[in-house]
Amino acid sequence: MKQIQDPELKKFLVERLKAAPDSIETIRPGEWSRAYAIRRNGEELIVRFSLYRDDFEKDRAAANWSCKKLPIPPVMEIGEAIGFAGAAREIDLSSATGFGLWTVHGGGFYPTWREALRTVGESVPSGPLPNWREGLESSPTGIAPFNEAYELMRDMVTVCPEERHPIHNDLMNRNVFVEGDEITAVLDWGASMFGDFLYDLASLAFWASWFPAWSNIDFVAEAARHYAALGLVVPHFDERVRCYAVNIGVGSMAYDGGKGPERWDHLARVTERTFTFARGGGM
């Protein structure tokens, strides 16, 4: 982390949130929000800024799921500013409705988990990047790999269970805080979904090659050993993880298309990774 450089923002944090001036540090940002660490009256806090209030409302709702295995810090305040897979499996969502992306008041967007997966070609990304398909068509990679991977994924979803668990869906972007071998906080539930708990495992497996420190970690094999030790039978384990990895790849290809030329190199790498899973590798 580094000291904040923006004088206006620093003034806001000091005057509005009573942050100790010398305590404000910048945390590496995500795609849709900026975050800062502050100290107030001896208490360490995280302050986040985004254009999308609904993401913070989801963080506030997700805090109700907090437990020892999955600590989710409470949201203390939402306002206008200047100008995990094992623990998730145990959370009770019996009172929730729908699947896929969700809202605090409306539940999941889709009536079934399989439908939520299949609509990735129609709804990802939604509001922020409406021209993603045109972007893919104009990219060096083109849209044909997206269409092929999407059709492969559609056929894979038949083994995916209609079970509702919380899926964080953004563990890669510095949203998990640890101390030693303990998870101390899981932040930013704005991209979270209702569906199969194996989706977050697939995300770890898909993105692992982007993180050199993870080069010797086989997330899928480790999870399989963990479930076996618990005596937990997970039907179609490999097929489900593979399906979700391809779904993640398809969604990322669409996102990269929406972002334009700045993501062309990333798009090419994501496309290769997606077909590694689609053709039986990656695990």
Protein backbone atom coordinates (compact mmCIF):
# COMPACT_ATOMS: atom_id res chain seq x y z
CA MET A 1 0.00 0.00 0.00
CA LYS A 2 1.09 3.59 -0.53
CA GLN A 3 0.15 6.96 0.93
CA ILE A 4 -2.76 8.73 -0.74
CA GLN A 5 -1.81 11.37 -3.31
CA ASP A 6 -5.16 13.03 -4.07
CA PRO A 7 -5.50 16.09 -1.76
CA GLU A 8 -9.27 16.44 -2.30
CA LEU A 9 -9.92 12.84 -1.43
CA LYS A 10 -7.63 13.02 1.59
CA LYS A 11 -9.51 16.10 2.81
CA PHE A 12 -12.81 14.25 2.45
CA LEU A 13 -11.55 11.23 4.40
CA VAL A 14 -10.17 13.38 7.19
CA GLU A 15 -13.09 15.80 7.50
CA ARG A 16 -16.03 13.51 6.71
CA LEU A 17 -14.80 10.20 8.16
CA LYS A 18 -12.41 11.57 10.80
CA ALA A 19 -9.50 9.52 9.47
CA ALA A 20 -6.10 10.11 11.03
CA PRO A 21 -4.28 12.11 8.31
CA ASP A 22 -1.12 10.03 8.42
CA SER A 23 -3.00 6.73 8.31
CA ILE A 24 -4.60 6.94 4.83
CA GLU A 25 -3.16 4.43 2.37
CA THR A 26 -4.23 3.43 -1.13
CA ILE A 27 -5.18 -0.21 -1.70
CA ARG A 28 -4.79 -1.62 -5.20
CA PRO A 29 -8.09 -0.96 -7.00
CA GLY A 30 -10.59 -3.34 -8.54
CA GLU A 31 -12.30 -2.79 -11.89
CA TRP A 32 -15.31 -0.92 -10.51
CA SER A 33 -14.19 0.56 -7.20
CA ARG A 34 -11.33 2.26 -5.39
CA ALA A 35 -10.35 1.40 -1.83
CA TYR A 36 -8.39 3.05 0.97
CA ALA A 37 -7.24 1.92 4.40
CA ILE A 38 -7.73 4.42 7.22
CA ARG A 39 -7.41 4.54 11.01
CA ARG A 40 -10.07 6.29 13.07
CA ASN A 41 -9.91 6.44 16.84
CA GLY A 42 -7.52 3.49 16.84
CA GLU A 43 -9.82 1.37 14.63
CA GLU A 44 -8.60 0.07 11.25
CA LEU A 45 -11.20 0.57 8.49
CA ILE A 46 -11.56 0.14 4.73
CA VAL A 47 -13.28 2.87 2.70
CA ARG A 48 -14.44 2.10 -0.85
CA PHE A 49 -15.72 4.35 -3.64
CA SER A 50 -17.76 3.25 -6.66
CA LEU A 51 -20.41 4.51 -9.06
CA TYR A 52 -22.52 1.45 -8.29
CA ARG A 53 -24.36 1.74 -4.98
CA ASP A 54 -26.01 -1.67 -5.42
CA ASP A 55 -22.63 -3.37 -4.95
CA PHE A 56 -22.33 -1.86 -1.48
CA GLU A 57 -25.91 -2.80 -0.64
CA LYS A 58 -24.98 -6.39 -1.51
CA ASP A 59 -21.91 -6.13 0.74
CA ARG A 60 -24.20 -5.03 3.58
CA ALA A 61 -26.57 -7.93 2.96
CA ALA A 62 -23.71 -10.44 2.63
CA ALA A 63 -22.42 -9.41 6.07
CA ASN A 64 -25.43 -11.27 7.50
CA TRP A 65 -23.75 -14.51 6.37
CA SER A 66 -20.59 -13.81 8.36
CA CYS A 67 -19.30 -16.67 10.47
CA LYS A 68 -15.98 -17.89 11.84
CA LYS A 69 -15.09 -19.73 8.64
CA LEU A 70 -16.21 -16.90 6.35
CA PRO A 71 -15.72 -13.56 8.11
CA ILE A 72 -17.44 -10.77 6.18
CA PRO A 73 -16.97 -7.33 7.75
CA PRO A 74 -20.07 -5.22 8.35
CA VAL A 75 -20.79 -2.18 6.23
CA MET A 76 -20.88 0.73 8.65
CA GLU A 77 -22.18 3.36 6.26
CA ILE A 78 -23.20 3.84 2.63
CA GLY A 79 -23.42 7.40 1.41
CA GLU A 80 -22.58 9.94 -1.25
CA ALA A 81 -18.96 11.04 -1.46
CA ILE A 82 -17.20 13.90 -3.13
CA GLY A 83 -18.23 15.06 -6.49
CA PHE A 84 -14.07 -19.83 0.21
CA ALA A 85 -15.92 -22.39 -1.00
CA GLY A 86 -16.26 -24.68 2.01
CA ALA A 87 -17.72 -22.03 4.27
CA ALA A 88 -20.00 -20.76 1.51
CA ARG A 89 -21.41 -24.27 1.14
CA GLU A 90 -22.62 -24.19 4.75
CA ILE A 91 -24.48 -20.85 4.58
CA ASP A 92 -28.26 -21.17 4.71
CA LEU A 93 -29.93 -19.45 1.75
CA SER A 94 -33.25 -21.22 2.11
CA SER A 95 -35.07 -17.89 2.38
CA ALA A 96 -33.44 -16.54 -0.81
CA THR A 97 -34.94 -16.80 -4.28
CA GLY A 98 -33.53 -17.15 -7.78
CA PHE A 99 -30.06 -17.85 -9.11
CA GLY A 100 -27.16 -15.99 -10.68
CA LEU A 101 -26.53 -12.32 -10.01
CA TRP A 102 -28.86 -10.98 -7.34
CA THR A 103 -30.16 -7.80 -5.76
CA VAL A 104 -30.93 -7.14 -2.11
CA HIS A 105 -34.66 -6.76 -2.70
CA GLY A 106 -35.21 -8.90 -5.79
CA GLY A 107 -33.21 -12.07 -5.22
CA GLY A 108 -31.48 -13.91 -8.06
CA PHE A 109 -32.13 -12.78 -11.61
CA TYR A 110 -32.93 -16.24 -13.00
CA PRO A 111 -35.35 -19.01 -11.98
CA THR A 112 -32.73 -21.76 -12.34
CA TRP A 113 -28.96 -22.03 -12.00
CA ARG A 114 -28.61 -23.60 -15.43
CA GLU A 115 -30.44 -20.72 -17.03
CA ALA A 116 -28.17 -18.26 -15.22
CA LEU A 117 -25.15 -20.06 -16.67
CA ARG A 118 -26.56 -20.19 -20.18
CA THR A 119 -27.38 -16.48 -20.28
CA VAL A 120 -23.69 -15.54 -20.02
CA GLY A 121 -23.73 -15.02 -23.78
CA GLU A 122 -26.60 -12.58 -23.50
CA SER A 123 -26.09 -10.71 -20.25
CA VAL A 124 -22.34 -10.49 -19.53
CA PRO A 125 -21.28 -7.88 -19.04
CA SER A 126 -24.55 -6.06 -18.48
CA GLY A 127 -24.93 -2.30 -18.04
CA PRO A 128 -21.34 -0.99 -17.90
CA LEU A 129 -20.12 -2.50 -21.23
CA PRO A 130 -23.04 -2.74 -23.66
CA ASN A 131 -20.93 -3.02 -26.86
CA TRP A 132 -18.90 -6.06 -25.90
CA ARG A 133 -20.05 -8.15 -28.86
CA GLU A 134 -18.99 -5.50 -31.37
CA GLY A 135 -15.69 -5.20 -29.50
CA LEU A 136 -15.05 -8.93 -29.82
CA GLU A 137 -15.87 -8.86 -33.52
CA SER A 138 -13.30 -6.12 -34.11
CA SER A 139 -10.56 -7.75 -32.00
CA PRO A 140 -7.69 -9.83 -33.44
CA THR A 141 -9.18 -12.85 -31.67
CA GLY A 142 -12.58 -12.31 -33.23
CA ILE A 143 -15.94 -13.52 -31.96
CA ALA A 144 -15.80 -17.08 -33.35
CA PRO A 145 -13.92 -18.51 -30.29
CA PHE A 146 -16.49 -16.91 -27.99
CA ASN A 147 -19.36 -18.49 -29.92
CA GLU A 148 -17.69 -21.91 -29.97
CA ALA A 149 -16.87 -21.88 -26.24
CA TYR A 150 -20.36 -20.65 -25.42
CA GLU A 151 -21.98 -23.54 -27.29
CA LEU A 152 -19.69 -26.04 -25.57
CA MET A 153 -20.59 -24.57 -22.18
CA ARG A 154 -24.33 -24.73 -22.92
CA ASP A 155 -24.04 -28.50 -23.35
CA MET A 156 -22.04 -28.88 -20.13
CA VAL A 157 -24.62 -27.38 -17.77
CA THR A 158 -26.82 -30.49 -17.74
CA VAL A 159 -24.79 -31.92 -14.83
CA CYS A 160 -24.95 -28.72 -12.74
CA PRO A 161 -27.20 -29.00 -9.67
CA GLU A 162 -30.05 -26.64 -8.90
CA GLU A 163 -28.69 -25.81 -5.45
CA ARG A 164 -28.36 -22.32 -4.01
CA HIS A 165 -25.15 -21.25 -2.25
CA PRO A 166 -23.44 -17.85 -2.10
CA ILE A 167 -20.73 -17.44 -4.74
CA HIS A 168 -18.33 -14.55 -4.21
CA ASN A 169 -17.25 -14.50 -7.86
CA ASP A 170 -14.38 -12.04 -7.37
CA LEU A 171 -11.83 -13.67 -5.06
CA MET A 172 -8.93 -12.82 -7.35
CA ASN A 173 -9.00 -9.05 -6.91
CA ARG A 174 -7.51 -8.62 -3.44
CA ASN A 175 -10.80 -9.21 -1.67
CA VAL A 176 -9.64 -11.90 0.78
CA PHE A 177 -7.65 -10.84 3.85
CA VAL A 178 -5.66 -13.44 5.77
CA GLU A 179 -3.50 -13.62 8.84
CA GLY A 180 -1.38 -16.73 9.07
CA ASP A 181 -3.62 -19.58 7.94
CA GLU A 182 -6.85 -17.83 8.96
CA ILE A 183 -9.19 -15.82 6.72
CA THR A 184 -9.87 -12.55 8.52
CA ALA A 185 -12.23 -10.86 6.03
CA VAL A 186 -13.87 -11.35 2.64
CA LEU A 187 -14.75 -8.03 0.99
CA ASP A 188 -16.67 -6.76 -2.04
CA TRP A 189 -19.68 -8.95 -2.76
CA GLY A 190 -20.83 -6.75 -5.65
CA ALA A 191 -20.30 -9.48 -8.28
CA SER A 192 -21.66 -12.28 -6.08
CA MET A 193 -24.22 -14.82 -7.27
CA PHE A 194 -26.51 -17.56 -5.99
CA GLY A 195 -25.64 -21.00 -7.32
CA ASP A 196 -23.18 -23.91 -7.04
CA PHE A 197 -20.41 -23.46 -4.45
CA LEU A 198 -17.93 -25.07 -6.86
CA TYR A 199 -18.02 -21.93 -9.03
CA ASP A 200 -15.51 -20.11 -6.81
CA LEU A 201 -13.22 -23.16 -6.97
CA ALA A 202 -13.42 -23.05 -10.76
CA SER A 203 -12.49 -19.38 -10.64
CA LEU A 204 -9.35 -20.15 -8.64
CA ALA A 205 -8.43 -22.91 -11.08
CA PHE A 206 -9.08 -20.75 -14.14
CA TRP A 207 -7.05 -17.72 -13.01
CA ALA A 208 -4.23 -19.57 -11.24
CA SER A 209 -1.78 -19.18 -14.12
CA TRP A 210 -2.03 -15.39 -13.81
CA PHE A 211 -0.43 -15.63 -10.34
CA PRO A 212 3.14 -17.01 -10.30
CA ALA A 213 2.97 -17.68 -6.56
CA TRP A 214 0.19 -20.19 -7.26
CA SER A 215 2.12 -22.14 -9.88
CA ASN A 216 2.51 -25.19 -7.64
CA ILE A 217 -1.04 -25.21 -6.28
CA ASP A 218 -3.58 -27.58 -7.80
CA PHE A 219 -6.76 -26.03 -6.41
CA VAL A 220 -9.06 -28.68 -7.85
CA ALA A 221 -7.04 -31.59 -6.48
CA GLU A 222 -6.73 -29.91 -3.07
CA ALA A 223 -10.50 -29.36 -2.95
CA ALA A 224 -11.17 -32.96 -3.96
CA ARG A 225 -8.93 -34.21 -1.15
CA HIS A 226 -10.65 -31.88 1.31
CA TYR A 227 -14.12 -33.09 0.38
CA ALA A 228 -12.98 -36.72 0.56
CA ALA A 229 -11.58 -36.13 4.05
CA LEU A 230 -14.96 -34.72 5.08
CA GLY A 231 -16.77 -37.68 3.58
CA LEU A 232 -18.61 -35.27 1.29
CA VAL A 233 -19.78 -36.78 -1.99
CA VAL A 234 -19.81 -34.14 -4.75
CA PRO A 235 -21.50 -35.64 -7.83
CA HIS A 236 -19.98 -34.78 -11.21
CA PHE A 237 -17.23 -32.84 -9.45
CA ASP A 238 -14.85 -32.59 -12.42
CA GLU A 239 -17.59 -31.89 -14.95
CA ARG A 240 -19.08 -29.10 -12.84
CA VAL A 241 -15.72 -27.40 -12.26
CA ARG A 242 -14.92 -27.65 -15.97
CA CYS A 243 -18.29 -26.17 -16.94
CA TYR A 244 -17.84 -23.22 -14.59
CA ALA A 245 -14.29 -22.60 -15.79
CA VAL A 246 -15.54 -22.35 -19.37
CA ASN A 247 -18.38 -20.10 -18.21
CA ILE A 248 -15.84 -17.84 -16.47
CA GLY A 249 -13.75 -17.77 -19.63
CA VAL A 250 -16.71 -16.89 -21.83
CA GLY A 251 -17.71 -14.09 -19.47
CA SER A 252 -14.17 -12.74 -19.40
CA MET A 253 -13.95 -12.83 -23.19
CA ALA A 254 -17.11 -10.72 -23.33
CA TYR A 255 -15.70 -8.33 -20.75
CA ASP A 256 -12.45 -7.93 -22.67
CA GLY A 257 -14.42 -7.26 -25.83
CA GLY A 258 -16.29 -4.48 -24.06
CA LYS A 259 -13.09 -2.90 -22.77
CA GLY A 260 -11.56 -2.66 -26.26
CA PRO A 261 -7.96 -2.68 -27.54
CA GLU A 262 -6.45 -2.22 -24.09
CA ARG A 263 -7.55 -5.82 -23.34
CA TRP A 264 -6.69 -7.56 -26.63
CA ASP A 265 -3.61 -9.33 -25.22
CA HIS A 266 -5.60 -10.41 -22.17
CA LEU A 267 -8.42 -11.60 -24.44
CA ALA A 268 -6.04 -13.85 -26.37
CA ARG A 269 -4.73 -15.39 -23.17
CA VAL A 270 -8.23 -15.88 -21.72
CA THR A 271 -9.39 -17.52 -24.95
CA GLU A 272 -6.51 -20.01 -24.84
CA ARG A 273 -7.21 -20.76 -21.17
CA THR A 274 -10.93 -21.24 -21.84
CA PHE A 275 -10.31 -23.86 -24.53
CA THR A 276 -7.80 -25.63 -22.30
CA PHE A 277 -10.71 -26.40 -19.97
CA ALA A 278 -13.27 -26.89 -22.74
CA ARG A 279 -11.11 -29.59 -24.33
CA GLY A 280 -10.47 -31.49 -21.12
CA GLY A 281 -7.33 -29.90 -19.72
CA GLY A 282 -6.60 -27.37 -16.99
CA MET A 283 -7.28 -29.76 -14.11
